[in-house]
Amino acid sequence: MESLDTLQMLISGFGPAGAEGEISRIIQKLAAPWADEITTDVMGNLICRKRGNGPRLMLSAHMDTLGLVVTHIEDSGYANAAVLGKCSPALLLHRPVKFQNGARAVVTAPEGTEADKLKPSDLLLDLGVSSKAAAEKLVKIGDAAVWDAPLYRAGNKVMGPYLDNRLSCLVLLKTMKRLASPQNDLSFVFTVQEEVGNRGAKTAAWAVDPDYAITVDLTPADDAAGAKHQGSSICGAGAAVKILDDAVICDPAVVQRLLQTAKDNGIPVQRDVLAKGGTDAGVIHAARGGVWTGGIGIPCRYLHTPTELVDTGDIIAAADLLAAFANTRLEG
């Protein structure tokens, strides 16, 4: 229940790509009792350090989310919107959204537009007003909105918006709390602007200059109805140890160490191969002279929708694996 309450707090934090200030402040407050040093860089990445005598290990999770940004306000009061990140416009129709100032709207499109032919540029926000002047009292050009949906449990599943990637932020926080005397020099990095091109992780990796890195993120579940088998992980089978995606081929030695760590500690794991998509690992592994990089995924159905679904056992496995790996002395 404690973890669910923390997850609710993380999901409620406003933080679409490029406007992560609120969620950064929430994470900083949660991390403060467990970190030796907390800094924020120019991009907005939040870096929490736990000092150790071993090699530098960067543990990362992006804290930004998908969203919509106002691009134009019509005389009728409707606002045109662009998508921050990648998601299907059809899945957003008639969904409620909220702005940081408390204004709310419903996503819609011009009448007669067929859902399967909907383009991101077709999206409109119904603010419940009937004039441009009234709309401009609520929102401005460039204001961002996020999905306005609840978090809830159903059996051993958790469902809600922005499990990608606030769940992984929770995993990092739980790991930070568990490691009182780390074997390695740890940097827990909560990155910005992942959903629009892994921008924050690129600068963070350059500044932290890690020897090793583990990125935690959600991964598309291959057990959703009608899955096209572009991935290999399924809900309920454990933490997904990344082998490769279309942005990174993880270091074989790091992959093997993650798998062996799971075996030694009785942690359920599965091997994660993703034909399309990627994580911050894609830019981290190529920073400076290169970083020994791996990834831990949490399988998720309905990724990049307002109703993502994960198995609670996979969350526990991911947290256990990250903590066990981070507490094992790495080679310099």
Protein backbone atom coordinates (compact mmCIF):
# COMPACT_ATOMS: atom_id res chain seq x y z
CA MET A 1 0.00 0.00 0.00
CA GLU A 2 2.89 2.35 0.78
CA SER A 3 4.30 1.81 -2.72
CA LEU A 4 0.87 2.35 -4.29
CA ASP A 5 0.48 5.64 -2.41
CA THR A 6 3.92 6.75 -3.60
CA LEU A 7 3.08 5.74 -7.16
CA GLN A 8 -0.13 7.78 -6.95
CA MET A 9 1.92 10.78 -5.84
CA LEU A 10 4.34 10.29 -8.73
CA ILE A 11 1.60 9.90 -11.33
CA SER A 12 -0.22 12.97 -10.04
CA GLY A 13 2.90 15.10 -10.48
CA PHE A 14 2.65 17.29 -13.59
CA GLY A 15 5.58 16.62 -15.89
CA PRO A 16 5.07 16.41 -19.66
CA ALA A 17 8.24 16.51 -21.73
CA GLY A 18 9.83 19.93 -21.37
CA ALA A 19 7.86 20.88 -18.24
CA GLU A 20 9.11 18.43 -15.61
CA GLY A 21 9.55 20.94 -12.76
CA GLU A 22 6.69 19.73 -10.58
CA ILE A 23 7.48 16.02 -10.79
CA SER A 24 11.17 16.79 -10.24
CA ARG A 25 10.35 18.58 -6.98
CA ILE A 26 8.22 15.64 -5.82
CA ILE A 27 10.98 13.11 -6.54
CA GLN A 28 13.59 15.33 -4.90
CA LYS A 29 11.53 15.49 -1.72
CA LEU A 30 11.07 11.71 -1.69
CA ALA A 31 14.77 11.07 -2.37
CA ALA A 32 16.16 13.58 0.12
CA PRO A 33 16.41 11.18 3.13
CA TRP A 34 18.39 8.62 1.13
CA ALA A 35 20.72 10.65 -1.11
CA ASP A 36 24.10 12.10 -0.16
CA GLU A 37 23.85 14.83 -2.78
CA ILE A 38 21.08 16.07 -5.10
CA THR A 39 21.63 18.34 -8.09
CA THR A 40 19.71 19.49 -11.14
CA ASP A 41 21.44 20.24 -14.43
CA VAL A 42 20.65 22.79 -17.14
CA MET A 43 18.33 20.38 -18.96
CA GLY A 44 16.38 19.65 -15.79
CA ASN A 45 17.70 16.14 -15.08
CA LEU A 46 17.55 15.31 -11.38
CA ILE A 47 20.74 13.58 -10.19
CA CYS A 48 20.76 11.92 -6.76
CA ARG A 49 24.11 10.55 -5.66
CA LYS A 50 24.93 7.88 -3.09
CA ARG A 51 28.67 7.78 -2.62
CA GLY A 52 30.60 4.54 -2.71
CA ASN A 53 34.17 3.42 -3.31
CA GLY A 54 33.49 1.29 -6.38
CA PRO A 55 33.06 2.16 -10.06
CA ARG A 56 30.57 4.82 -11.15
CA LEU A 57 27.14 3.26 -11.81
CA MET A 58 24.35 5.35 -13.34
CA LEU A 59 20.81 4.13 -12.64
CA SER A 60 18.30 6.02 -14.75
CA ALA A 61 14.59 6.39 -15.34
CA HIS A 62 12.89 9.15 -17.27
CA MET A 63 10.38 11.25 -15.34
CA ASP A 64 8.72 13.05 -18.26
CA THR A 65 5.43 11.96 -19.80
CA LEU A 66 3.52 12.21 -23.03
CA GLY A 67 1.11 15.10 -23.40
CA LEU A 68 -0.57 17.61 -25.66
CA VAL A 69 0.49 21.20 -26.29
CA VAL A 70 -1.75 24.05 -27.46
CA THR A 71 -0.71 25.35 -30.87
CA HIS A 72 -3.65 27.58 -31.82
CA ILE A 73 -6.95 28.80 -30.41
CA GLU A 74 -9.94 29.00 -32.73
CA ASP A 75 -12.54 31.78 -32.69
CA SER A 76 -15.01 29.10 -31.59
CA GLY A 77 -13.02 28.43 -28.39
CA TYR A 78 -11.58 25.10 -29.47
CA ALA A 79 -7.80 24.74 -29.14
CA ASN A 80 -5.65 22.95 -31.69
CA ALA A 81 -3.15 20.58 -30.11
CA ALA A 82 0.09 18.82 -31.02
CA VAL A 83 1.25 15.59 -29.38
CA LEU A 84 4.33 15.60 -27.17
CA GLY A 85 5.87 12.22 -27.93
CA LYS A 86 4.50 9.25 -29.85
CA CYS A 87 0.99 7.91 -29.37
CA SER A 88 -2.01 7.05 -31.50
CA PRO A 89 -4.35 10.05 -31.93
CA ALA A 90 -7.33 7.67 -32.17
CA LEU A 91 -6.67 6.41 -28.64
CA LEU A 92 -6.94 9.94 -27.26
CA LEU A 93 -10.39 10.79 -28.64
CA HIS A 94 -12.89 11.84 -25.97
CA ARG A 95 -10.30 11.48 -23.22
CA PRO A 96 -10.14 14.13 -20.47
CA VAL A 97 -6.93 16.12 -20.01
CA LYS A 98 -5.75 18.66 -17.47
CA PHE A 99 -3.42 21.65 -17.56
CA GLN A 100 -1.01 22.64 -14.82
CA ASN A 101 -3.17 25.64 -13.90
CA GLY A 102 -6.15 23.35 -13.24
CA ALA A 103 -8.00 23.93 -16.51
CA ARG A 104 -9.55 20.83 -18.04
CA ALA A 105 -10.57 19.81 -21.53
CA VAL A 106 -11.77 16.89 -23.62
CA VAL A 107 -9.83 15.68 -26.66
CA THR A 108 -11.94 15.76 -29.80
CA ALA A 109 -11.63 16.08 -33.59
CA PRO A 110 -13.65 17.67 -36.41
CA GLU A 111 -17.00 15.96 -36.87
CA GLY A 112 -16.90 13.27 -39.53
CA THR A 113 -13.18 12.51 -39.13
CA GLU A 114 -12.70 8.73 -39.21
CA ALA A 115 -10.79 7.49 -36.16
CA ASP A 116 -8.50 5.19 -38.14
CA LYS A 117 -7.52 8.08 -40.40
CA LEU A 118 -7.01 10.58 -37.59
CA LYS A 119 -3.73 12.52 -37.70
CA PRO A 120 -2.13 14.29 -34.72
CA SER A 121 -2.83 17.62 -36.45
CA ASP A 122 -6.58 16.85 -36.36
CA LEU A 123 -6.76 16.90 -32.57
CA LEU A 124 -8.75 19.62 -30.83
CA LEU A 125 -9.30 20.42 -27.17
CA ASP A 126 -12.81 21.25 -26.05
CA LEU A 127 -12.37 23.62 -23.10
CA GLY A 128 -16.11 23.97 -22.54
CA VAL A 129 -16.22 27.56 -23.79
CA SER A 130 -17.59 29.14 -26.96
CA SER A 131 -15.17 31.96 -27.78
CA LYS A 132 -11.49 32.59 -28.27
CA ALA A 133 -11.51 35.22 -25.53
CA ALA A 134 -12.97 32.77 -23.02
CA ALA A 135 -10.49 30.06 -24.03
CA GLU A 136 -7.53 32.43 -23.65
CA LYS A 137 -8.53 33.03 -20.04
CA LEU A 138 -7.94 29.32 -19.45
CA VAL A 139 -4.93 28.43 -21.60
CA LYS A 140 -2.22 30.03 -23.69
CA ILE A 141 -0.30 28.96 -26.79
CA GLY A 142 2.40 26.53 -25.66
CA ASP A 143 0.57 25.32 -22.55
CA ALA A 144 0.80 21.56 -22.12
CA ALA A 145 -1.88 19.14 -20.92
CA VAL A 146 -1.64 15.59 -19.57
CA TRP A 147 -4.07 12.68 -19.35
CA ASP A 148 -6.60 13.02 -16.53
CA ALA A 149 -7.27 9.42 -15.51
CA PRO A 150 -7.28 7.43 -12.24
CA LEU A 151 -4.83 4.85 -10.92
CA TYR A 152 -6.37 1.65 -9.59
CA ARG A 153 -5.66 -2.00 -8.82
CA ALA A 154 -7.48 -5.00 -10.26
CA GLY A 155 -6.29 -8.24 -8.70
CA ASN A 156 -2.53 -8.43 -9.18
CA LYS A 157 -2.52 -5.73 -11.86
CA VAL A 158 -2.11 -1.96 -11.64
CA MET A 159 -3.80 0.22 -14.26
CA GLY A 160 -3.62 3.91 -14.97
CA PRO A 161 -1.89 6.69 -16.86
CA TYR A 162 1.83 7.33 -16.99
CA LEU A 163 2.99 4.07 -15.49
CA ASP A 164 5.53 4.80 -18.24
CA ASN A 165 7.68 5.84 -16.62
CA ARG A 166 6.69 6.86 -13.11
CA LEU A 167 6.79 3.18 -12.13
CA SER A 168 10.49 3.10 -12.94
CA CYS A 169 11.02 6.28 -10.91
CA LEU A 170 9.42 4.38 -8.01
CA VAL A 171 11.82 1.47 -8.60
CA LEU A 172 14.81 3.85 -8.41
CA LEU A 173 13.51 5.43 -5.20
CA LYS A 174 12.97 2.00 -3.60
CA THR A 175 16.51 0.99 -4.58
CA MET A 176 17.97 4.19 -3.18
CA LYS A 177 16.26 3.53 0.15
CA ARG A 178 17.48 -0.07 0.33
CA LEU A 179 21.19 0.61 -0.27
CA ALA A 180 22.59 1.96 2.99
CA SER A 181 26.27 1.31 2.16
CA PRO A 182 26.59 0.89 -1.61
CA GLN A 183 29.40 -1.15 -3.10
CA ASN A 184 29.64 1.24 -6.06
CA ASP A 185 29.50 5.01 -6.56
CA LEU A 186 25.83 5.46 -7.51
CA SER A 187 24.06 8.19 -9.44
CA PHE A 188 20.28 7.85 -9.58
CA VAL A 189 19.28 9.97 -12.56
CA PHE A 190 15.69 10.98 -13.27
CA THR A 191 15.88 12.22 -16.84
CA VAL A 192 13.83 14.71 -18.84
CA GLN A 193 12.51 14.74 -22.41
CA GLU A 194 12.87 11.02 -23.07
CA GLU A 195 9.52 10.92 -24.84
CA VAL A 196 10.69 13.43 -27.43
CA GLY A 197 14.08 11.92 -28.24
CA ASN A 198 16.12 10.90 -25.15
CA ARG A 199 17.42 14.45 -24.85
CA GLY A 200 18.00 14.63 -21.10
CA ALA A 201 19.83 11.32 -20.81
CA LYS A 202 22.37 12.44 -23.40
CA THR A 203 23.60 15.37 -21.34
CA ALA A 204 23.23 13.55 -18.01
CA ALA A 205 25.41 10.65 -19.13
CA TRP A 206 28.07 13.07 -20.34
CA ALA A 207 28.12 14.85 -16.96
CA VAL A 208 27.93 11.77 -14.71
CA ASP A 209 30.54 9.96 -16.84
CA PRO A 210 29.58 6.49 -15.56
CA ASP A 211 31.53 3.28 -16.02
CA TYR A 212 28.27 1.30 -16.02
CA ALA A 213 24.63 2.19 -16.53
CA ILE A 214 21.28 0.48 -16.05
CA THR A 215 18.18 2.09 -17.51
CA VAL A 216 14.78 1.17 -16.08
CA ASP A 217 11.73 1.66 -18.29
CA LEU A 218 8.50 -0.02 -19.29
CA THR A 219 8.59 -2.38 -22.25
CA PRO A 220 5.68 -3.35 -24.54
CA ALA A 221 4.06 -6.58 -23.37
CA ASP A 222 3.77 -9.32 -25.95
CA ASP A 223 0.69 -10.85 -24.35
CA ALA A 224 -1.80 -8.11 -25.23
CA ALA A 225 -4.72 -9.24 -27.40
CA GLY A 226 -3.61 -9.50 -31.02
CA ALA A 227 0.07 -8.87 -30.25
CA LYS A 228 2.27 -8.75 -33.36
CA HIS A 229 5.21 -10.35 -31.51
CA GLN A 230 7.52 -7.39 -32.00
CA GLY A 231 8.70 -7.93 -28.42
CA SER A 232 9.43 -10.90 -26.20
CA SER A 233 8.29 -10.00 -22.67
CA ILE A 234 4.94 -10.77 -21.05
CA CYS A 235 3.13 -9.55 -17.96
CA GLY A 236 3.69 -11.66 -14.87
CA ALA A 237 6.90 -13.41 -15.95
CA GLY A 238 9.28 -11.16 -14.02
CA ALA A 239 11.70 -8.32 -14.69
CA ALA A 240 12.64 -7.99 -18.37
CA VAL A 241 16.41 -7.97 -18.85
CA LYS A 242 17.03 -6.02 -22.05
CA ILE A 243 19.07 -7.76 -24.73
CA LEU A 244 18.49 -5.24 -27.50
CA ASP A 245 16.08 -2.82 -29.13
CA ASP A 246 16.46 -0.62 -32.19
CA ALA A 247 18.55 1.93 -30.25
CA VAL A 248 20.94 -0.25 -28.23
CA ILE A 249 22.56 -3.67 -28.11
CA CYS A 250 23.24 -4.09 -24.40
CA ASP A 251 26.70 -5.10 -23.29
CA PRO A 252 26.73 -8.93 -23.15
CA ALA A 253 28.69 -9.00 -19.90
CA VAL A 254 26.16 -6.66 -18.22
CA VAL A 255 23.27 -8.75 -19.54
CA GLN A 256 24.86 -11.91 -18.18
CA ARG A 257 25.54 -10.29 -14.83
CA LEU A 258 21.91 -9.17 -14.53
CA LEU A 259 20.68 -12.68 -15.38
CA GLN A 260 23.13 -14.30 -12.95
CA THR A 261 22.21 -11.82 -10.21
CA ALA A 262 18.55 -12.72 -10.69
CA LYS A 263 19.35 -16.44 -10.52
CA ASP A 264 21.49 -16.06 -7.40
CA ASN A 265 18.73 -14.13 -5.63
CA GLY A 266 15.72 -16.11 -6.81
CA ILE A 267 14.30 -13.16 -8.77
CA PRO A 268 12.02 -14.02 -11.73
CA VAL A 269 13.34 -12.60 -15.00
CA GLN A 270 12.80 -12.87 -18.73
CA ARG A 271 14.90 -11.84 -21.72
CA ASP A 272 13.68 -8.70 -23.48
CA VAL A 273 14.13 -8.25 -27.22
CA LEU A 274 12.28 -5.35 -28.84
CA ALA A 275 12.04 -4.97 -32.61
CA LYS A 276 10.85 -1.37 -32.51
CA GLY A 277 11.35 1.32 -29.91
CA GLY A 278 14.01 2.15 -27.38
CA THR A 279 14.92 3.76 -24.07
CA ASP A 280 17.46 6.20 -22.69
CA ALA A 281 19.99 3.36 -22.89
CA GLY A 282 20.30 4.20 -26.58
CA VAL A 283 22.11 7.46 -25.89
CA ILE A 284 23.73 6.54 -22.57
CA HIS A 285 25.75 3.61 -23.94
CA ALA A 286 27.38 5.86 -26.56
CA ALA A 287 28.34 8.71 -24.22
CA ARG A 288 31.96 9.85 -24.13
CA GLY A 289 34.14 6.77 -24.73
CA GLY A 290 31.24 4.37 -24.22
CA VAL A 291 29.42 2.97 -21.17
CA TRP A 292 28.83 -0.66 -20.20
CA THR A 293 25.05 -0.51 -20.37
CA GLY A 294 22.10 -2.75 -19.58
CA GLY A 295 18.38 -2.34 -19.06
CA ILE A 296 15.59 -3.61 -16.85
CA GLY A 297 12.07 -3.47 -18.22
CA ILE A 298 8.61 -3.80 -16.71
CA PRO A 299 6.22 -5.35 -19.28
CA CYS A 300 3.22 -3.12 -19.96
CA ARG A 301 0.04 -3.60 -21.94
CA TYR A 302 -1.52 -0.61 -23.73
CA LEU A 303 1.71 1.41 -23.54
CA HIS A 304 1.39 5.11 -24.35
CA THR A 305 -2.33 5.21 -23.62
CA PRO A 306 -4.17 6.73 -20.61
CA THR A 307 -4.82 3.20 -19.30
CA GLU A 308 -1.53 1.32 -19.10
CA LEU A 309 -1.48 -2.05 -17.29
CA VAL A 310 1.32 -3.87 -15.45
CA ASP A 311 1.65 -6.85 -13.13
CA THR A 312 2.65 -6.02 -9.55
CA GLY A 313 4.96 -9.05 -9.42
CA ASP A 314 7.01 -7.60 -12.28
CA ILE A 315 7.38 -4.32 -10.40
CA ILE A 316 8.70 -6.14 -7.34
CA ALA A 317 11.07 -8.22 -9.48
CA ALA A 318 12.45 -5.11 -11.21
CA ALA A 319 13.08 -3.37 -7.89
CA ASP A 320 14.71 -6.47 -6.38
CA LEU A 321 16.95 -6.97 -9.41
CA LEU A 322 18.08 -3.36 -9.59
CA ALA A 323 18.93 -3.29 -5.88
CA ALA A 324 20.80 -6.60 -6.03
CA PHE A 325 22.80 -5.55 -9.09
CA ALA A 326 23.65 -2.12 -7.66
CA ASN A 327 24.80 -3.71 -4.40
CA THR A 328 27.25 -6.06 -6.15
CA ARG A 329 30.77 -4.72 -6.46
CA LEU A 330 31.49 -3.99 -10.12
CA GLU A 331 34.90 -4.02 -11.73
CA GLY A 332 36.56 -0.70 -12.42
